Protein backbone atom coordinates (compact mmCIF):
# COMPACT_ATOMS: atom_id res chain seq x y z
CA UNK A 1 32.86 -14.09 -73.32
CA UNK A 2 34.05 -15.02 -69.88
CA UNK A 3 30.55 -14.41 -68.52
CA UNK A 4 29.15 -17.32 -70.49
CA UNK A 5 31.70 -19.95 -69.51
CA UNK A 6 30.10 -22.32 -67.00
CA UNK A 7 33.22 -22.85 -64.91
CA UNK A 8 34.18 -19.20 -64.64
CA UNK A 9 34.14 -17.41 -61.32
CA UNK A 10 31.70 -14.70 -62.38
CA UNK A 11 29.22 -17.24 -63.73
CA UNK A 12 29.31 -19.25 -60.50
CA UNK A 13 28.81 -16.06 -58.43
CA UNK A 14 25.80 -15.09 -60.48
CA UNK A 15 24.21 -18.53 -60.18
CA UNK A 16 25.00 -19.14 -56.50
CA UNK A 17 24.58 -15.54 -55.34
CA UNK A 18 27.66 -15.73 -53.11
CA UNK A 19 30.80 -13.72 -53.04
CA UNK A 20 33.06 -16.76 -52.48
CA UNK A 21 32.74 -20.49 -52.57
CA UNK A 22 33.26 -20.81 -48.79
CA UNK A 23 30.86 -19.92 -46.00
CA UNK A 24 30.98 -19.96 -42.20
CA UNK A 25 28.18 -20.18 -39.65
CA UNK A 26 27.16 -16.97 -37.96
CA UNK A 27 29.19 -15.98 -34.85
CA UNK A 28 31.71 -18.72 -35.65
CA UNK A 29 34.77 -16.72 -34.62
CA UNK A 30 33.11 -15.35 -31.48
CA UNK A 31 32.72 -18.82 -29.91
CA UNK A 32 35.82 -20.42 -31.46
CA UNK A 33 38.16 -19.72 -28.52
CA UNK A 34 35.66 -21.19 -26.04
CA UNK A 35 35.28 -24.33 -28.13
CA UNK A 36 39.05 -24.79 -28.39
CA UNK A 37 39.43 -24.37 -24.61
CA UNK A 38 36.73 -27.02 -24.04
CA UNK A 39 38.43 -29.49 -26.38
CA UNK A 40 41.81 -28.97 -24.67
CA UNK A 41 40.23 -29.39 -21.22
CA UNK A 42 38.59 -32.68 -22.29
CA UNK A 43 41.90 -34.01 -23.60
CA UNK A 44 43.60 -33.30 -20.24
CA UNK A 45 40.99 -35.27 -18.29
CA UNK A 46 41.89 -38.78 -17.28
CA UNK A 47 40.26 -41.55 -19.23
CA UNK A 48 39.87 -43.81 -16.19
CA UNK A 49 36.58 -44.22 -14.38
CA UNK A 50 37.16 -42.44 -11.08
CA UNK A 51 33.78 -43.36 -9.66
CA UNK A 52 32.91 -46.78 -8.36
CA UNK A 53 29.94 -48.26 -6.60
CA UNK A 54 30.12 -50.71 -3.72
CA UNK A 55 29.39 -54.35 -4.34
CA UNK A 56 25.66 -55.22 -4.48
CA UNK A 57 24.79 -51.53 -4.12
CA UNK A 58 21.86 -51.60 -6.53
CA UNK A 59 20.56 -54.88 -5.09
CA UNK A 60 20.28 -53.39 -1.55
CA UNK A 61 19.25 -49.88 -2.64
CA UNK A 62 15.53 -50.63 -2.84
CA UNK A 63 15.47 -52.12 0.66
CA UNK A 64 17.28 -49.10 2.13
CA UNK A 65 14.86 -46.62 0.52
CA UNK A 66 11.79 -48.53 1.69
CA UNK A 67 13.14 -48.81 5.25
CA UNK A 68 13.73 -45.04 5.43
CA UNK A 69 10.35 -44.14 3.97
CA UNK A 70 8.38 -46.47 6.22
CA UNK A 71 10.26 -45.54 9.39
CA UNK A 72 8.42 -44.51 12.51
CA UNK A 73 6.49 -41.29 12.20
CA UNK A 74 7.77 -38.39 14.27
CA UNK A 75 5.46 -36.93 16.87
CA UNK A 76 4.31 -33.45 15.98
CA UNK A 77 4.01 -30.90 18.70
CA UNK A 78 0.45 -29.58 18.96
CA UNK A 79 -0.20 -26.31 20.75
CA UNK A 80 -3.71 -26.13 22.06
CA UNK A 81 -5.71 -23.01 21.26
CA UNK A 82 -7.26 -23.20 24.70
CA UNK A 83 -3.86 -23.18 26.42
CA UNK A 84 -2.74 -20.22 24.33
CA UNK A 85 -5.91 -18.28 25.12
CA UNK A 86 -5.52 -19.00 28.84
CA UNK A 87 -2.18 -17.21 28.66
CA UNK A 88 -3.42 -14.23 26.62
CA UNK A 89 -6.79 -13.51 28.26
CA UNK A 90 -5.45 -12.49 31.71
CA UNK A 91 -2.99 -10.08 30.10
CA UNK A 92 -5.78 -8.53 28.01
CA UNK A 93 -8.00 -8.15 31.09
CA UNK A 94 -5.18 -6.51 33.07
CA UNK A 95 -4.44 -4.11 30.20
CA UNK A 96 -8.11 -3.12 29.84
CA UNK A 97 -8.45 -2.50 33.61
CA UNK A 98 -5.29 -0.37 33.58
CA UNK A 99 -6.61 1.60 30.60
CA UNK A 100 -10.00 2.13 32.26
CA UNK A 101 -8.44 3.36 35.51
CA UNK A 102 -5.97 5.56 33.64
CA UNK A 103 -8.63 7.24 31.53
CA UNK A 104 -10.87 7.88 34.53
CA UNK A 105 -7.97 9.24 36.58
CA UNK A 106 -6.84 11.71 33.92
CA UNK A 107 -10.37 12.80 33.03
CA UNK A 108 -11.14 13.85 36.64
CA UNK A 109 -8.44 16.54 36.49
CA UNK A 110 -9.58 17.98 33.18
CA UNK A 111 -13.31 17.71 33.63
CA UNK A 112 -15.09 21.05 33.70
CA UNK A 113 -18.75 21.59 33.31
CA UNK A 114 -19.62 23.10 29.93
CA UNK A 115 -22.04 26.00 29.93
CA UNK A 116 -22.45 29.28 28.07
CA UNK A 117 -20.19 31.13 30.51
CA UNK A 118 -17.03 29.13 29.71
CA UNK A 119 -17.54 28.81 25.95
CA UNK A 120 -15.59 31.38 23.99
CA UNK A 121 -17.56 34.08 22.23
CA UNK A 122 -15.96 33.15 18.89
CA UNK A 123 -17.10 29.52 19.28
CA UNK A 124 -20.67 30.65 19.81
CA UNK A 125 -20.51 32.96 16.78
CA UNK A 126 -19.04 30.21 14.60
CA UNK A 127 -21.71 27.72 15.66
CA UNK A 128 -24.43 30.28 15.11
CA UNK A 129 -23.17 31.20 11.62
CA UNK A 130 -22.76 27.58 10.54
CA UNK A 131 -26.15 26.42 11.76
CA UNK A 132 -28.13 29.60 11.17
CA UNK A 133 -29.81 28.17 8.08
CA UNK A 134 -31.50 25.55 10.29
CA UNK A 135 -32.70 27.98 12.95
CA UNK A 136 -36.12 29.52 13.02
CA UNK A 137 -36.97 32.91 14.53
CA UNK A 138 -38.38 31.11 17.59
CA UNK A 139 -35.05 29.35 18.10
CA UNK A 140 -33.16 32.63 17.91
CA UNK A 141 -35.59 34.27 20.36
CA UNK A 142 -35.04 31.45 22.84
CA UNK A 143 -31.31 32.29 22.99
CA UNK A 144 -31.85 35.94 23.93
CA UNK A 145 -32.32 36.38 27.66
CA UNK A 146 -35.36 38.55 28.41
CA UNK A 147 -34.17 39.81 31.78
CA UNK A 148 -32.05 42.97 31.71
CA UNK A 149 -33.02 43.61 28.09
CA UNK A 150 -33.68 47.14 26.97
CA UNK A 151 -34.86 48.57 23.68
CA UNK A 152 -31.81 50.85 23.53
CA UNK A 153 -29.58 47.79 23.21
CA UNK A 154 -30.75 47.44 19.60
CA UNK A 155 -31.26 51.05 18.57
CA UNK A 156 -27.70 52.28 18.85
CA UNK A 157 -26.08 49.53 16.92
CA UNK A 158 -23.71 50.80 14.22
CA UNK A 159 -23.56 48.62 11.15
CA UNK A 160 -21.14 49.75 8.52
CA UNK A 161 -22.49 50.19 4.96
CA UNK A 162 -19.65 48.06 3.59
CA UNK A 163 -20.77 45.12 5.80
CA UNK A 164 -24.34 45.43 4.54
CA UNK A 165 -23.16 45.52 0.90
CA UNK A 166 -20.97 42.47 1.41
CA UNK A 167 -23.87 40.60 2.98
CA UNK A 168 -26.19 41.42 0.09
CA UNK A 169 -23.56 40.46 -2.51
CA UNK A 170 -22.65 37.14 -0.91
CA UNK A 171 -26.18 35.97 -0.08
CA UNK A 172 -28.17 35.18 -3.19
CA UNK A 173 -31.44 34.80 -1.38
CA UNK A 174 -34.47 36.11 -3.28
CA UNK A 175 -36.57 36.25 -0.11
CA UNK A 176 -34.30 39.01 1.18
CA UNK A 177 -35.19 41.19 -1.79
CA UNK A 178 -38.86 40.34 -1.42
CA UNK A 179 -38.75 41.59 2.21
CA UNK A 180 -37.41 44.98 1.07
CA UNK A 181 -40.38 45.56 -1.24
């Protein structure tokens, strides 16, 4: 029967959907100490106006601002590009002359004439292997000197079977097989 009485606590809870008749804003107790400190600090402040303006301050303020704004313009210092270049160009010329002399001086000590006698055998082999696809048989024949050449130089050459097999396996050239037939 208590559930149907309009002034009962359970009836009010069911209608209002609240646990109690009182409610607080969210985070009320988290900021409460800060708010109390602010109120106490305001009460301790003096109630007198501690700031004052001089007499006729606002009447003369406009004239002071205008006089400062329209004061004489300051001279700006302009550096001429021509003057700056006249200082830099001689230094650049001196540096380039010193570099030119230095490079020529050091290159005279290390300069050796390049010919086939002072190139390492491995360098020649590497160049030949890398550019052999571009060479024709006439080009190869031009490298072989004809003087002091004997037929026996080519007949007693020992080529290992393993080297020949490796060459055949690594080169997938069909013209090689056509030459064998």
